[in-house]
Amino acid sequence: MGSSCTVKILEIAQIKPSLELPNCTIEFSLPLTFFDSFWFTFPPVEGLLFYNLNDLTPADFSSEILTKLKQSLSLTLRHYLPVAGSLKWPSDAPRPFILYAPDDGVSVIVAESDADFHRLSSNGIYEAVELHPLIPHLRSSDDSASILAIQITFFPSQGFSIGITAHHTVLEGKTTSMFMKSWAYLCRLGNKENPGLPLELIPYFDREIIKDPTGHDLDILYLNQRLICSNGNKSLKVPTNKRATPNLVRATVTLSQEDFKKMREKVLSKSPDSSKIPPLSDFALTLGYVASCIVKARGGAETYFGNCNVILADISEAGGYMDFENGIAFGAVKVSNMVKGLKEKGVFEGAKDRLAPLFKIAKEPPGSVQKLIVAGSPRFDLYKTDFGWGRPWKVVLVSIDKNEAISMAESRDGNRGIEVGLALKKPEMERFLSMFLKDV
């Protein structure tokens, strides 16, 4: 637990899109939609993929792995030109937009670390800050911000990691995972001439499919609400000093299909009328159960490019989560009803007020509200991101240590379980793990 992770920077490069396609040589811009502007002031998403390669030598890393990763990244970017560009907001423009110019590219840092690869890629407890040196920063200024940054870190005789930082205004989890799987696909193909992408990985850039029928001009509404909250600051500069809450530790837990079966049975057996309980998905059960454990531990397939998700927020008394069966049901039923309401009413019902709960929570005194944000999804299939050296040994969403979030991903074993990433204070983590699955 006392060990620290340091890195030695070997190279800083800019990888540009391969110019074999004519569209790479002309300027290209995309407007933001209201789905994008909703996330305007959210911090970047930071993720890590660990690849276990025992006996990996510096020569093999440099000549084999690094060369292939760079070449295939260039090929991938020609299909994802906005990723190579920047988010722009000139002083005379009413709203920000995405711009790609022919000389643009993605910053790639190559580094080396002597840290314990297997500990950092394990499910066990370690300090959250130990992952930070493996994550790159986005370049940014008041009127411009890069959209993606990458860091490839070599662990001698252990393996390597790929760290990604993505601007949430442009890239949400589904689009980021699609980009990573496209990069991995082209890397596996090697030197094949003019490789294309399979249909399910080809990004779709037409913003005309995103319609706003509310009459509220939601993209400007969300931007203005965000600006009011930030005292009118239009700057696109991404803070680099927003680090984790002090003294956080990380761990990963997994829920299996057998666990979900037992949870459903217990929840339904305690209900006076099980017919009134909505369908309890694995996602809803996971969130309901993990929320219950955290409250007690604390003491109380589209290919659209861009954001296409919304926040569903709920504010509840902590006491509802405190006992096992009712705690799971309390959270799981709330999540199920929120999802059901979204399906029945659509994303535009109440859209203009969707940021209000977040602003309300932000105004509460520190420590008076326990936030629990869910990042990632078990549907992103990030464990299928095989660059040619096998599936990731571990996938970690690093940025959960900055916003009181948990992460969800499909379990690596492929048995339809769910991995949950946690970042809690050490006493909270110990209490959480002491109770996790003990009553299931």
Protein backbone atom coordinates (compact mmCIF):
# COMPACT_ATOMS: atom_id res chain seq x y z
CA MET A 1 0.00 0.00 0.00
CA GLY A 2 2.88 2.40 0.61
CA SER A 3 4.35 1.88 -2.86
CA SER A 4 4.20 4.73 -5.37
CA CYS A 5 4.07 4.75 -9.16
CA THR A 6 6.49 6.96 -11.06
CA VAL A 7 7.13 7.13 -14.78
CA LYS A 8 10.01 8.21 -17.00
CA ILE A 9 8.90 10.03 -20.15
CA LEU A 10 10.57 8.47 -23.20
CA GLU A 11 8.83 10.35 -26.00
CA ILE A 12 6.10 12.90 -26.69
CA ALA A 13 4.68 12.59 -30.20
CA GLN A 14 1.76 13.90 -32.22
CA ILE A 15 0.08 11.20 -34.26
CA LYS A 16 -1.77 12.62 -37.26
CA PRO A 17 -4.42 10.89 -39.37
CA SER A 18 -3.07 8.92 -42.31
CA LEU A 19 -3.47 11.14 -45.38
CA GLU A 20 -4.48 8.33 -47.74
CA LEU A 21 -8.10 9.52 -47.72
CA PRO A 22 -8.89 12.90 -49.34
CA ASN A 23 -11.10 14.05 -46.43
CA CYS A 24 -7.99 14.14 -44.17
CA THR A 25 -6.54 17.05 -46.15
CA ILE A 26 -9.43 19.48 -45.70
CA GLU A 27 -10.83 21.32 -42.69
CA PHE A 28 -13.76 19.59 -41.04
CA SER A 29 -16.11 20.92 -38.36
CA LEU A 30 -19.00 19.55 -36.33
CA PRO A 31 -21.53 21.44 -34.22
CA LEU A 32 -22.33 20.29 -30.71
CA THR A 33 -25.77 18.89 -29.92
CA PHE A 34 -27.67 19.35 -26.68
CA PHE A 35 -26.40 15.90 -25.63
CA ASP A 36 -22.87 17.31 -25.89
CA SER A 37 -23.43 20.70 -24.23
CA PHE A 38 -25.12 18.94 -21.30
CA TRP A 39 -21.64 17.67 -20.30
CA PHE A 40 -19.84 20.94 -21.01
CA THR A 41 -18.16 21.51 -17.62
CA PHE A 42 -17.73 17.86 -16.65
CA PRO A 43 -14.12 16.78 -16.05
CA PRO A 44 -12.45 14.58 -18.68
CA VAL A 45 -12.93 10.82 -18.60
CA GLU A 46 -9.73 8.94 -17.78
CA GLY A 47 -9.30 5.24 -18.47
CA LEU A 48 -6.57 2.61 -18.39
CA LEU A 49 -6.20 -0.68 -20.22
CA PHE A 50 -3.50 -3.03 -18.88
CA TYR A 51 -1.97 -5.70 -21.13
CA ASN A 52 -0.05 -8.49 -19.41
CA LEU A 53 3.04 -9.59 -21.38
CA ASN A 54 5.61 -11.33 -19.21
CA ASP A 55 9.25 -11.06 -20.31
CA LEU A 56 8.49 -7.98 -22.44
CA THR A 57 11.86 -6.44 -23.34
CA PRO A 58 12.57 -2.78 -24.23
CA ALA A 59 13.53 -3.85 -27.76
CA ASP A 60 10.28 -5.76 -28.32
CA PHE A 61 8.23 -2.93 -26.84
CA SER A 62 9.85 -0.32 -29.07
CA SER A 63 10.11 -2.21 -32.36
CA GLU A 64 7.01 -4.39 -32.17
CA ILE A 65 4.32 -2.96 -29.89
CA LEU A 66 4.96 0.78 -30.06
CA THR A 67 5.46 0.82 -33.82
CA LYS A 68 2.22 -1.06 -34.46
CA LEU A 69 0.24 1.07 -32.00
CA LYS A 70 1.39 4.32 -33.64
CA GLN A 71 0.79 3.14 -37.21
CA SER A 72 -2.66 1.79 -36.46
CA LEU A 73 -3.61 4.90 -34.46
CA SER A 74 -2.82 7.03 -37.53
CA LEU A 75 -5.02 4.76 -39.66
CA THR A 76 -7.81 4.92 -37.08
CA LEU A 77 -7.78 8.71 -36.88
CA ARG A 78 -8.54 9.05 -40.59
CA HIS A 79 -11.92 7.45 -39.79
CA TYR A 80 -12.35 9.57 -36.62
CA LEU A 81 -11.13 13.01 -37.72
CA PRO A 82 -12.88 14.93 -34.88
CA VAL A 83 -10.78 12.99 -32.36
CA ALA A 84 -7.63 14.43 -33.93
CA GLY A 85 -9.09 17.93 -33.80
CA SER A 86 -10.05 20.28 -30.99
CA LEU A 87 -13.02 21.76 -29.22
CA LYS A 88 -13.08 25.47 -30.11
CA TRP A 89 -14.90 28.49 -28.70
CA PRO A 90 -13.73 31.76 -30.28
CA SER A 91 -14.76 34.90 -28.41
CA ASP A 92 -17.13 35.92 -31.23
CA ALA A 93 -18.88 32.51 -31.49
CA PRO A 94 -22.21 31.92 -29.69
CA ARG A 95 -21.34 28.32 -28.86
CA PRO A 96 -18.37 25.92 -29.00
CA PHE A 97 -17.82 23.53 -31.88
CA ILE A 98 -15.47 20.75 -32.98
CA LEU A 99 -12.83 21.59 -35.59
CA TYR A 100 -10.32 19.38 -37.42
CA ALA A 101 -7.55 20.97 -39.49
CA PRO A 102 -5.12 18.98 -41.71
CA ASP A 103 -2.15 19.52 -39.35
CA ASP A 104 -4.02 18.28 -36.24
CA GLY A 105 -3.26 15.09 -34.38
CA VAL A 106 -3.48 13.30 -31.04
CA SER A 107 -0.81 13.75 -28.38
CA VAL A 108 0.84 10.43 -27.48
CA ILE A 109 3.19 10.14 -24.52
CA VAL A 110 5.47 7.10 -24.32
CA ALA A 111 6.67 6.34 -20.80
CA GLU A 112 8.30 3.65 -18.70
CA SER A 113 7.46 2.63 -15.15
CA ASP A 114 9.10 0.33 -12.62
CA ALA A 115 5.87 0.03 -10.59
CA ASP A 116 4.30 -3.33 -9.81
CA PHE A 117 2.15 -3.92 -12.90
CA HIS A 118 0.30 -6.87 -11.36
CA ARG A 119 -0.66 -4.95 -8.22
CA LEU A 120 -1.96 -1.93 -10.14
CA SER A 121 -3.94 -4.22 -12.49
CA SER A 122 -5.35 -6.35 -9.67
CA ASN A 123 -8.69 -6.17 -7.87
CA GLY A 124 -6.96 -5.58 -4.53
CA ILE A 125 -6.64 -2.40 -2.51
CA TYR A 126 -4.08 0.25 -3.50
CA GLU A 127 -3.90 4.04 -3.29
CA ALA A 128 -5.92 5.81 -5.99
CA VAL A 129 -3.18 8.36 -6.74
CA GLU A 130 -0.85 5.58 -7.90
CA LEU A 131 -2.66 5.44 -11.25
CA HIS A 132 -2.39 9.16 -11.99
CA PRO A 133 1.13 9.08 -13.54
CA LEU A 134 -0.22 6.62 -16.14
CA ILE A 135 -2.83 9.10 -17.40
CA PRO A 136 -2.11 11.99 -19.84
CA HIS A 137 -3.53 15.52 -19.72
CA LEU A 138 -5.53 17.25 -22.44
CA ARG A 139 -3.93 20.29 -24.07
CA SER A 140 -6.16 23.32 -23.51
CA SER A 141 -6.40 27.10 -23.49
CA ASP A 142 -9.23 29.58 -23.01
CA ASP A 143 -10.59 29.04 -26.54
CA SER A 144 -9.35 25.56 -27.48
CA ALA A 145 -9.09 22.08 -25.94
CA SER A 146 -7.85 18.82 -27.38
CA ILE A 147 -10.36 16.01 -27.51
CA LEU A 148 -8.17 13.00 -26.76
CA ALA A 149 -4.76 12.33 -25.24
CA ILE A 150 -3.00 8.96 -25.00
CA GLN A 151 -0.17 7.59 -22.87
CA ILE A 152 1.47 4.23 -23.56
CA THR A 153 3.48 3.05 -20.54
CA PHE A 154 5.99 0.22 -20.68
CA PHE A 155 6.43 -2.01 -17.61
CA PRO A 156 9.66 -4.00 -18.24
CA SER A 157 9.15 -7.78 -18.12
CA GLN A 158 5.51 -7.23 -17.11
CA GLY A 159 3.48 -5.62 -19.89
CA PHE A 160 2.19 -2.22 -20.90
CA SER A 161 -0.78 0.06 -20.33
CA ILE A 162 -2.71 2.44 -22.56
CA GLY A 163 -4.01 5.48 -20.72
CA ILE A 164 -6.64 7.66 -22.38
CA THR A 165 -8.09 11.02 -21.41
CA ALA A 166 -11.21 12.04 -23.33
CA HIS A 167 -13.07 15.36 -23.33
CA HIS A 168 -16.56 14.50 -22.10
CA THR A 169 -18.20 17.25 -24.18
CA VAL A 170 -17.22 15.33 -27.32
CA LEU A 171 -16.64 11.71 -26.29
CA GLU A 172 -18.90 9.69 -24.01
CA GLY A 173 -18.21 6.11 -23.01
CA LYS A 174 -19.85 4.38 -25.98
CA THR A 175 -18.04 6.49 -28.57
CA THR A 176 -14.71 6.20 -26.76
CA SER A 177 -15.02 2.41 -26.56
CA MET A 178 -15.93 2.30 -30.27
CA PHE A 179 -12.80 4.32 -31.09
CA MET A 180 -10.60 2.05 -28.96
CA LYS A 181 -12.01 -1.09 -30.56
CA SER A 182 -11.46 0.44 -34.01
CA TRP A 183 -7.83 1.16 -33.11
CA ALA A 184 -7.40 -2.40 -31.81
CA TYR A 185 -9.03 -3.87 -34.93
CA LEU A 186 -6.69 -2.00 -37.30
CA CYS A 187 -3.68 -2.86 -35.14
CA ARG A 188 -4.51 -6.57 -35.38
CA LEU A 189 -4.69 -6.31 -39.18
CA GLY A 190 -1.07 -5.19 -39.31
CA ASN A 191 0.21 -3.87 -42.64
CA LYS A 192 -2.82 -4.74 -44.72
CA GLU A 193 -3.19 -2.21 -47.53
CA ASN A 194 -6.02 0.35 -47.16
CA PRO A 195 -7.76 -1.42 -44.26
CA GLY A 196 -11.34 -0.45 -43.62
CA LEU A 197 -13.52 -0.80 -40.54
CA PRO A 198 -16.41 -3.22 -40.05
CA LEU A 199 -19.80 -1.55 -40.25
CA GLU A 200 -20.40 -1.60 -36.49
CA LEU A 201 -17.24 0.46 -35.91
CA ILE A 202 -17.75 3.14 -38.58
CA PRO A 203 -18.65 6.44 -36.86
CA TYR A 204 -21.67 8.40 -38.04
CA PHE A 205 -21.21 12.18 -37.94
CA ASP A 206 -24.55 13.50 -39.25
CA ARG A 207 -25.92 15.81 -36.54
CA GLU A 208 -29.24 16.08 -38.36
CA ILE A 209 -30.41 12.85 -36.73
CA ILE A 210 -30.37 14.60 -33.32
CA LYS A 211 -33.51 16.72 -33.22
CA ASP A 212 -34.67 19.01 -30.40
CA PRO A 213 -38.48 19.15 -30.53
CA THR A 214 -38.86 20.94 -27.18
CA GLY A 215 -38.67 24.52 -28.48
CA HIS A 216 -36.25 25.35 -25.64
CA ASP A 217 -33.07 25.31 -27.77
CA LEU A 218 -31.58 22.86 -25.31
CA ASP A 219 -27.96 23.15 -26.43
CA ILE A 220 -27.86 26.87 -25.65
CA LEU A 221 -30.00 26.37 -22.53
CA TYR A 222 -27.58 23.81 -21.08
CA LEU A 223 -24.57 25.96 -21.98
CA ASN A 224 -26.09 29.01 -20.29
CA GLN A 225 -26.99 27.01 -17.19
CA ARG A 226 -23.44 25.71 -16.98
CA LEU A 227 -22.04 29.22 -17.47
CA ILE A 228 -24.24 30.63 -14.72
CA CYS A 229 -22.92 27.93 -12.40
CA SER A 230 -19.31 28.85 -13.33
CA ASN A 231 -19.84 32.61 -12.96
CA GLY A 232 -19.92 33.15 -16.71
CA ASN A 233 -16.50 31.66 -17.35
CA LYS A 234 -16.42 30.57 -21.02
CA SER A 235 -12.87 29.25 -20.85
CA LEU A 236 -12.21 25.80 -22.33
CA LYS A 237 -9.10 25.41 -20.18
CA VAL A 238 -9.17 21.98 -18.53
CA PRO A 239 -7.92 22.14 -14.92
CA THR A 240 -4.92 19.86 -14.42
CA ASN A 241 -4.92 20.21 -10.64
CA LYS A 242 -8.27 18.53 -10.01
CA ARG A 243 -6.98 15.35 -8.47
CA ALA A 244 -8.56 12.68 -6.35
CA THR A 245 -10.08 13.29 -2.95
CA PRO A 246 -7.23 12.74 -0.47
CA ASN A 247 -6.65 9.31 1.06
CA LEU A 248 -8.75 7.33 -1.40
CA VAL A 249 -8.01 3.69 -2.13
CA ARG A 250 -9.22 1.64 -5.08
CA ALA A 251 -10.59 -1.87 -5.37
CA THR A 252 -12.71 -3.86 -7.83
CA VAL A 253 -15.52 -6.24 -6.95
CA THR A 254 -17.51 -8.55 -9.22
CA LEU A 255 -21.13 -9.65 -9.18
CA SER A 256 -22.00 -12.90 -10.97
CA GLN A 257 -25.23 -14.14 -12.55
CA GLU A 258 -25.70 -16.38 -9.50
CA ASP A 259 -25.46 -13.29 -7.25
CA PHE A 260 -28.12 -11.51 -9.34
CA LYS A 261 -30.42 -14.53 -9.11
CA LYS A 262 -30.15 -14.59 -5.31
CA MET A 263 -30.72 -10.84 -5.05
CA ARG A 264 -33.89 -11.00 -7.17
CA GLU A 265 -35.24 -13.84 -5.05
CA LYS A 266 -34.58 -11.98 -1.79
CA VAL A 267 -36.05 -8.70 -3.03
CA LEU A 268 -39.19 -10.39 -4.39
CA SER A 269 -39.63 -12.52 -1.26
CA LYS A 270 -39.74 -9.40 0.93
CA SER A 271 -42.28 -7.58 -1.20
CA PRO A 272 -45.95 -7.76 -0.14
CA ASP A 273 -46.91 -7.58 -3.84
CA SER A 274 -44.16 -8.68 -6.20
CA SER A 275 -46.31 -7.80 -9.22
CA LYS A 276 -45.74 -4.11 -8.45
CA ILE A 277 -41.96 -4.42 -8.61
CA PRO A 278 -40.60 -3.46 -12.04
CA PRO A 279 -38.21 -5.82 -13.86
CA LEU A 280 -34.91 -5.84 -11.97
CA SER A 281 -32.07 -5.75 -14.48
CA ASP A 282 -28.51 -6.72 -13.59
CA PHE A 283 -27.61 -3.02 -13.82
CA ALA A 284 -30.37 -1.98 -11.42
CA LEU A 285 -29.50 -4.73 -8.93
CA THR A 286 -25.81 -3.84 -9.08
CA LEU A 287 -26.44 -0.15 -8.48
CA GLY A 288 -29.03 -0.81 -5.77
CA TYR A 289 -26.79 -3.24 -3.90
CA VAL A 290 -23.54 -1.27 -4.25
CA ALA A 291 -25.31 1.95 -3.22
CA SER A 292 -26.67 0.17 -0.15
CA CYS A 293 -23.19 -1.09 0.79
CA ILE A 294 -21.56 2.31 0.21
CA VAL A 295 -24.15 4.18 2.28
CA LYS A 296 -23.61 1.73 5.12
CA ALA A 297 -19.82 1.87 4.70
CA ARG A 298 -19.92 5.67 4.87
CA GLY A 299 -22.19 5.60 7.89
CA GLY A 300 -25.32 6.38 6.49
CA ALA A 301 -25.72 -0.70 -29.94
CA GLU A 302 -25.70 2.55 -32.09
CA THR A 303 -22.49 3.84 -33.79
CA TYR A 304 -23.38 7.58 -33.47
CA PHE A 305 -20.27 9.69 -32.78
CA GLY A 306 -20.69 12.02 -29.81
CA ASN A 307 -22.72 12.11 -26.62
CA CYS A 308 -26.03 10.32 -26.77
CA ASN A 309 -26.82 9.86 -23.09
CA VAL A 310 -28.42 11.81 -20.27
CA ILE A 311 -28.20 11.95 -16.50
CA LEU A 312 -31.10 10.58 -14.50
CA ALA A 313 -30.80 11.93 -10.97
CA ASP A 314 -32.59 10.95 -7.79
CA ILE A 315 -32.22 12.41 -4.29
CA SER A 316 -33.12 10.04 -1.44
CA GLU A 317 -32.74 9.71 2.31
CA ALA A 318 -29.77 7.51 3.16
CA GLY A 319 -31.87 5.45 5.58
CA GLY A 320 -33.69 3.78 2.71
CA TYR A 321 -30.48 1.93 1.77
CA MET A 322 -29.50 0.76 5.22
CA ASP A 323 -30.77 -2.83 5.53
CA PHE A 324 -29.98 -5.63 3.11
CA GLU A 325 -33.18 -6.74 1.32
CA ASN A 326 -34.91 -3.37 1.57
CA GLY A 327 -31.68 -1.54 0.73
CA ILE A 328 -31.26 -3.44 -2.53
CA ALA A 329 -34.93 -3.09 -3.38
CA PHE A 330 -34.96 0.60 -2.47
CA GLY A 331 -32.14 1.37 -4.91
CA ALA A 332 -32.90 -1.21 -7.59
CA VAL A 333 -36.58 -0.25 -7.85
CA LYS A 334 -35.68 3.44 -8.06
CA VAL A 335 -33.23 2.76 -10.90
CA SER A 336 -35.70 0.47 -12.69
CA ASN A 337 -38.47 3.06 -12.46
CA MET A 338 -36.16 5.82 -13.73
CA VAL A 339 -35.18 3.73 -16.76
CA LYS A 340 -38.81 2.73 -17.32
CA GLY A 341 -39.85 6.38 -17.21
CA LEU A 342 -37.18 7.32 -19.74
CA LYS A 343 -38.36 4.58 -22.11
CA GLU A 344 -42.00 5.56 -21.78
CA LYS A 345 -41.64 9.35 -21.83
CA GLY A 346 -38.51 9.73 -23.97
CA VAL A 347 -35.41 11.82 -23.36
CA PHE A 348 -37.16 15.17 -23.83
CA GLU A 349 -39.65 14.90 -20.97
CA GLY A 350 -38.34 17.35 -18.35
CA ALA A 351 -35.16 17.91 -20.38
CA LYS A 352 -34.91 21.65 -19.66
CA ASP A 353 -34.78 20.99 -15.90
CA ARG A 354 -32.49 17.95 -16.00
CA LEU A 355 -29.48 19.83 -14.64
CA ALA A 356 -31.44 21.23 -11.68
CA PRO A 357 -30.78 18.30 -9.27
CA LEU A 358 -27.04 18.57 -9.91
CA PHE A 359 -27.05 22.29 -9.14
CA LYS A 360 -29.10 21.65 -5.99
CA ILE A 361 -26.63 19.05 -4.74
CA ALA A 362 -23.69 21.35 -5.52
CA LYS A 363 -25.13 24.02 -3.20
CA GLU A 364 -25.44 21.67 -0.21
CA PRO A 365 -22.87 22.01 2.61
CA PRO A 366 -19.84 19.72 2.22
CA GLY A 367 -20.47 16.29 3.74
CA SER A 368 -24.24 16.71 3.97
CA VAL A 369 -24.98 14.79 0.74
CA GLN A 370 -23.52 11.46 -0.36
CA LYS A 371 -23.18 11.47 -4.15
CA LEU A 372 -23.02 8.26 -6.12
CA ILE A 373 -22.41 8.65 -9.85
CA VAL A 374 -22.25 5.67 -12.21
CA ALA A 375 -19.59 5.79 -14.92
CA GLY A 376 -19.03 3.28 -17.69
CA SER A 377 -21.33 0.43 -18.64
CA PRO A 378 -21.21 -3.37 -18.82
CA ARG A 379 -22.35 -2.97 -22.43
CA PHE A 380 -19.18 -1.25 -23.68
CA ASP A 381 -17.29 -4.58 -23.97
CA LEU A 382 -13.92 -2.96 -23.34
CA TYR A 383 -12.42 -6.35 -22.49
CA LYS A 384 -12.71 -7.13 -26.20
CA THR A 385 -10.14 -4.42 -27.03
CA ASP A 386 -7.48 -6.78 -28.38
CA PHE A 387 -4.64 -5.05 -30.25
CA GLY A 388 -3.06 -8.36 -31.19
CA TRP A 389 -1.50 -9.28 -27.84
CA GLY A 390 -4.62 -10.64 -26.15
CA ARG A 391 -7.49 -9.06 -24.28
CA PRO A 392 -6.81 -6.44 -21.59
CA TRP A 393 -5.70 -7.91 -18.28
CA LYS A 394 -7.61 -5.14 -16.52
CA VAL A 395 -9.74 -2.14 -17.50
CA VAL A 396 -9.83 0.74 -15.01
CA LEU A 397 -11.83 3.97 -15.09
CA VAL A 398 -9.39 6.24 -13.27
CA SER A 399 -11.51 9.42 -13.14
CA ILE A 400 -14.02 7.99 -10.64
CA ASP A 401 -11.72 9.18 -7.86
CA LYS A 402 -12.58 12.81 -8.66
CA ASN A 403 -16.37 12.83 -8.54
CA GLU A 404 -17.57 10.22 -6.01
CA ALA A 405 -18.42 7.76 -8.76
CA ILE A 406 -18.34 4.02 -9.21
CA SER A 407 -17.56 2.38 -12.53
CA MET A 408 -19.26 -0.56 -14.19
CA ALA A 409 -17.84 -2.90 -16.83
CA GLU A 410 -18.49 -6.38 -18.08
CA SER A 411 -16.52 -8.98 -16.14
CA ARG A 412 -13.34 -10.15 -17.84
CA ASP A 413 -14.29 -13.84 -17.67
CA GLY A 414 -17.12 -13.32 -20.17
CA ASN A 415 -19.74 -14.95 -17.92
CA ARG A 416 -22.09 -11.93 -18.00
CA GLY A 417 -21.05 -10.72 -14.58
CA ILE A 418 -20.42 -7.06 -13.75
CA GLU A 419 -17.19 -5.54 -12.46
CA VAL A 420 -17.61 -2.56 -10.14
CA GLY A 421 -14.70 -0.17 -9.63
CA LEU A 422 -14.57 1.67 -6.31
CA ALA A 423 -12.61 4.64 -4.94
CA LEU A 424 -13.31 5.15 -1.23
CA LYS A 425 -11.51 6.28 1.88
CA LYS A 426 -9.62 3.39 3.40
CA PRO A 427 -11.92 2.83 6.44
CA GLU A 428 -14.95 3.00 4.14
CA MET A 429 -13.39 0.52 1.73
CA GLU A 430 -12.61 -1.89 4.55
CA ARG A 431 -16.21 -1.69 5.81
CA PHE A 432 -17.55 -2.10 2.27
CA LEU A 433 -15.48 -5.20 1.54
CA SER A 434 -16.31 -6.70 4.93
CA MET A 435 -20.01 -6.75 4.09
CA PHE A 436 -19.92 -7.23 0.30
CA LEU A 437 -21.88 -10.36 -0.74
CA LYS A 438 -21.92 -11.66 2.86
CA ASP A 439 -25.73 -11.68 2.92
CA VAL A 440 -26.32 -12.80 -0.66
